[in-house]
Amino acid sequence: MLAKMTSKNQLTLPKSITAAVDAAEYFEVEARNGQIVLTPVRIQRGDAVRAKLAELGLQEQDIADAVQWVRQPPPAGMSHKE
């Protein structure tokens, strides 16, 4: 079966293929021996957030520091909305 890649590097997978693997919304993508391999992945929202944080290299302390910074009162004459 052929699938054409668009100019934006997008592919449309044939319905018969996605049906055969119990179609998922997300796929793990890897290049293996000159082939592109897609593996269906079931991601829960919390897992997606944790994956993005890991991708960005953010640690728990970074998040705690950001929350603490936001909770500080703004300097005199300013608000957080400015």
N, C-alpha and C. Protein backbone atom coordinates (compact mmCIF):
# COMPACT_ATOMS: atom_id res chain seq x y z
N MET A 1 0.84 -1.17 0.00
CA MET A 1 0.00 0.00 0.00
C MET A 1 0.89 1.24 0.00
N LEU A 2 0.54 2.24 -0.76
CA LEU A 2 1.30 3.47 -0.82
C LEU A 2 0.65 4.57 0.01
N ALA A 3 1.48 5.40 0.60
CA ALA A 3 1.02 6.61 1.29
C ALA A 3 1.94 7.71 0.83
N LYS A 4 1.38 8.85 0.44
CA LYS A 4 2.17 9.97 -0.05
C LYS A 4 2.45 10.96 1.07
N MET A 5 3.71 11.42 1.16
CA MET A 5 4.09 12.43 2.13
C MET A 5 3.84 13.80 1.51
N THR A 6 3.20 14.69 2.26
CA THR A 6 2.93 16.04 1.77
C THR A 6 4.16 16.92 1.96
N SER A 7 4.08 18.13 1.45
CA SER A 7 5.19 19.08 1.59
C SER A 7 5.44 19.45 3.05
N LYS A 8 4.47 19.17 3.92
CA LYS A 8 4.62 19.45 5.36
C LYS A 8 4.98 18.20 6.15
N ASN A 9 5.51 17.20 5.45
CA ASN A 9 5.92 15.93 6.07
C ASN A 9 4.78 15.19 6.75
N GLN A 10 3.59 15.29 6.20
CA GLN A 10 2.44 14.60 6.77
C GLN A 10 2.07 13.41 5.90
N LEU A 11 1.64 12.33 6.57
CA LEU A 11 1.18 11.13 5.89
C LEU A 11 -0.24 10.82 6.34
N THR A 12 -1.04 10.32 5.43
CA THR A 12 -2.35 9.81 5.79
C THR A 12 -2.25 8.29 5.74
N LEU A 13 -2.52 7.67 6.87
CA LEU A 13 -2.44 6.22 6.93
C LEU A 13 -3.74 5.62 6.42
N PRO A 14 -3.65 4.59 5.60
CA PRO A 14 -4.86 3.94 5.10
C PRO A 14 -5.70 3.39 6.26
N LYS A 15 -7.01 3.52 6.13
CA LYS A 15 -7.94 3.08 7.18
C LYS A 15 -7.77 1.60 7.50
N SER A 16 -7.51 0.79 6.48
CA SER A 16 -7.35 -0.64 6.72
C SER A 16 -6.13 -0.93 7.60
N ILE A 17 -5.11 -0.09 7.50
CA ILE A 17 -3.90 -0.26 8.32
C ILE A 17 -4.18 0.13 9.77
N THR A 18 -4.79 1.30 9.96
CA THR A 18 -5.06 1.75 11.34
C THR A 18 -6.08 0.84 12.01
N ALA A 19 -7.03 0.31 11.25
CA ALA A 19 -8.01 -0.61 11.82
C ALA A 19 -7.34 -1.90 12.27
N ALA A 20 -6.31 -2.32 11.57
CA ALA A 20 -5.62 -3.57 11.89
C ALA A 20 -4.83 -3.48 13.19
N VAL A 21 -4.50 -2.26 13.63
CA VAL A 21 -3.74 -2.10 14.87
C VAL A 21 -4.55 -1.40 15.95
N ASP A 22 -5.87 -1.44 15.82
CA ASP A 22 -6.73 -0.80 16.82
C ASP A 22 -6.31 0.66 16.98
N ALA A 23 -6.52 1.43 15.93
CA ALA A 23 -6.03 2.81 15.75
C ALA A 23 -5.90 3.59 17.05
N ALA A 24 -4.75 4.23 17.18
CA ALA A 24 -4.47 5.08 18.32
C ALA A 24 -4.31 6.51 17.82
N GLU A 25 -4.39 7.47 18.73
CA GLU A 25 -4.21 8.88 18.36
C GLU A 25 -2.73 9.24 18.26
N TYR A 26 -1.89 8.54 19.02
CA TYR A 26 -0.46 8.82 19.04
C TYR A 26 0.33 7.58 18.61
N PHE A 27 1.47 7.84 17.99
CA PHE A 27 2.35 6.77 17.55
C PHE A 27 3.78 7.10 17.95
N GLU A 28 4.49 6.13 18.45
CA GLU A 28 5.93 6.25 18.66
C GLU A 28 6.55 6.10 17.28
N VAL A 29 7.46 7.01 16.91
CA VAL A 29 8.05 6.99 15.58
C VAL A 29 9.56 6.79 15.71
N GLU A 30 10.09 5.85 14.93
CA GLU A 30 11.54 5.65 14.93
C GLU A 30 12.00 5.22 13.55
N ALA A 31 13.24 5.54 13.26
CA ALA A 31 13.87 5.08 12.03
C ALA A 31 14.67 3.84 12.39
N ARG A 32 14.43 2.74 11.66
CA ARG A 32 15.11 1.49 11.95
C ARG A 32 15.52 0.82 10.64
N ASN A 33 16.82 0.72 10.43
CA ASN A 33 17.35 0.06 9.23
C ASN A 33 16.75 0.63 7.95
N GLY A 34 16.69 1.97 7.86
CA GLY A 34 16.18 2.62 6.66
C GLY A 34 14.68 2.61 6.52
N GLN A 35 13.97 2.20 7.55
CA GLN A 35 12.50 2.18 7.52
C GLN A 35 11.96 3.09 8.62
N ILE A 36 10.77 3.62 8.39
CA ILE A 36 10.06 4.39 9.42
C ILE A 36 9.09 3.43 10.08
N VAL A 37 9.21 3.30 11.40
CA VAL A 37 8.38 2.36 12.15
C VAL A 37 7.45 3.16 13.05
N LEU A 38 6.15 2.92 12.93
CA LEU A 38 5.13 3.56 13.77
C LEU A 38 4.57 2.51 14.72
N THR A 39 4.55 2.82 16.01
CA THR A 39 3.99 1.93 17.00
C THR A 39 2.88 2.67 17.74
N PRO A 40 1.64 2.16 17.68
CA PRO A 40 0.55 2.83 18.39
C PRO A 40 0.84 2.94 19.88
N VAL A 41 0.51 4.10 20.46
CA VAL A 41 0.74 4.35 21.87
C VAL A 41 -0.54 4.92 22.47
N ARG A 42 -0.90 4.41 23.60
CA ARG A 42 -2.05 4.95 24.35
C ARG A 42 -1.50 5.91 25.39
N ILE A 43 -1.78 7.18 25.25
CA ILE A 43 -1.27 8.19 26.18
C ILE A 43 -2.43 8.78 26.95
N GLN A 44 -2.28 8.80 28.25
CA GLN A 44 -3.24 9.49 29.09
C GLN A 44 -2.77 10.93 29.22
N ARG A 45 -3.67 11.85 29.45
CA ARG A 45 -3.30 13.27 29.50
C ARG A 45 -2.13 13.54 30.44
N GLY A 46 -2.14 12.95 31.61
CA GLY A 46 -1.04 13.15 32.56
C GLY A 46 0.28 12.67 31.98
N ASP A 47 0.23 11.54 31.27
CA ASP A 47 1.45 11.02 30.64
C ASP A 47 1.96 11.98 29.58
N ALA A 48 1.05 12.60 28.82
CA ALA A 48 1.46 13.54 27.77
C ALA A 48 2.14 14.76 28.39
N VAL A 49 1.62 15.24 29.51
CA VAL A 49 2.23 16.39 30.19
C VAL A 49 3.61 16.01 30.72
N ARG A 50 3.71 14.85 31.36
CA ARG A 50 5.01 14.41 31.87
C ARG A 50 6.01 14.22 30.74
N ALA A 51 5.57 13.70 29.61
CA ALA A 51 6.47 13.50 28.47
C ALA A 51 6.98 14.84 27.95
N LYS A 52 6.10 15.84 27.88
CA LYS A 52 6.50 17.16 27.40
C LYS A 52 7.49 17.81 28.37
N LEU A 53 7.23 17.69 29.67
CA LEU A 53 8.15 18.23 30.67
C LEU A 53 9.52 17.58 30.55
N ALA A 54 9.54 16.27 30.34
CA ALA A 54 10.81 15.55 30.19
C ALA A 54 11.52 16.01 28.92
N GLU A 55 10.75 16.19 27.84
CA GLU A 55 11.32 16.66 26.58
C GLU A 55 11.97 18.03 26.73
N LEU A 56 11.35 18.88 27.54
CA LEU A 56 11.88 20.23 27.78
C LEU A 56 12.97 20.25 28.84
N GLY A 57 13.19 19.12 29.50
CA GLY A 57 14.23 19.04 30.52
C GLY A 57 13.83 19.71 31.83
N LEU A 58 12.52 19.89 32.06
CA LEU A 58 12.05 20.53 33.28
C LEU A 58 11.96 19.50 34.41
N GLN A 59 12.40 19.91 35.57
CA GLN A 59 12.36 19.06 36.76
C GLN A 59 11.31 19.61 37.72
N GLU A 60 10.97 18.82 38.75
CA GLU A 60 9.98 19.25 39.73
C GLU A 60 10.36 20.58 40.36
N GLN A 61 11.65 20.78 40.63
CA GLN A 61 12.09 22.03 41.27
C GLN A 61 11.86 23.22 40.35
N ASP A 62 12.03 23.06 39.03
CA ASP A 62 11.76 24.14 38.09
C ASP A 62 10.31 24.58 38.18
N ILE A 63 9.42 23.63 38.28
CA ILE A 63 7.99 23.93 38.36
C ILE A 63 7.67 24.62 39.68
N ALA A 64 8.23 24.11 40.78
CA ALA A 64 8.03 24.73 42.09
C ALA A 64 8.54 26.16 42.09
N ASP A 65 9.71 26.39 41.50
CA ASP A 65 10.27 27.74 41.42
C ASP A 65 9.36 28.67 40.62
N ALA A 66 8.80 28.17 39.51
CA ALA A 66 7.92 28.99 38.67
C ALA A 66 6.64 29.35 39.43
N VAL A 67 6.07 28.38 40.14
CA VAL A 67 4.86 28.64 40.92
C VAL A 67 5.15 29.66 42.02
N GLN A 68 6.27 29.52 42.69
CA GLN A 68 6.65 30.47 43.74
C GLN A 68 6.81 31.87 43.15
N TRP A 69 7.45 31.98 41.99
CA TRP A 69 7.65 33.28 41.35
C TRP A 69 6.32 33.94 41.00
N VAL A 70 5.39 33.15 40.48
CA VAL A 70 4.08 33.70 40.09
C VAL A 70 3.29 34.16 41.30
N ARG A 71 3.46 33.49 42.41
CA ARG A 71 2.70 33.82 43.62
C ARG A 71 3.26 35.02 44.37
N GLN A 72 4.42 35.52 43.99
CA GLN A 72 4.99 36.70 44.65
C GLN A 72 4.12 37.91 44.35
N PRO A 73 3.98 38.81 45.31
CA PRO A 73 3.24 40.04 45.01
C PRO A 73 4.02 40.87 43.99
N PRO A 74 3.32 41.52 43.08
CA PRO A 74 4.01 42.33 42.06
C PRO A 74 4.68 43.54 42.71
N PRO A 75 5.71 44.09 42.05
CA PRO A 75 6.35 45.30 42.58
C PRO A 75 5.33 46.43 42.71
N ALA A 76 5.60 47.37 43.61
CA ALA A 76 4.68 48.49 43.84
C ALA A 76 4.35 49.19 42.52
N GLY A 77 3.07 49.44 42.31
CA GLY A 77 2.64 50.16 41.12
C GLY A 77 2.47 49.29 39.89
N MET A 78 2.69 47.98 39.99
CA MET A 78 2.53 47.08 38.84
C MET A 78 1.61 45.95 39.23
N SER A 79 1.06 45.29 38.21
CA SER A 79 0.27 44.09 38.46
C SER A 79 0.82 42.99 37.56
N HIS A 80 0.45 41.74 37.85
CA HIS A 80 0.91 40.61 37.04
C HIS A 80 0.35 40.70 35.61
N LYS A 81 -0.72 41.45 35.41
CA LYS A 81 -1.34 41.54 34.10
C LYS A 81 -0.58 42.42 33.14
N GLU A 82 0.35 43.19 33.64
CA GLU A 82 1.12 44.13 32.76
C GLU A 82 2.24 43.43 32.08
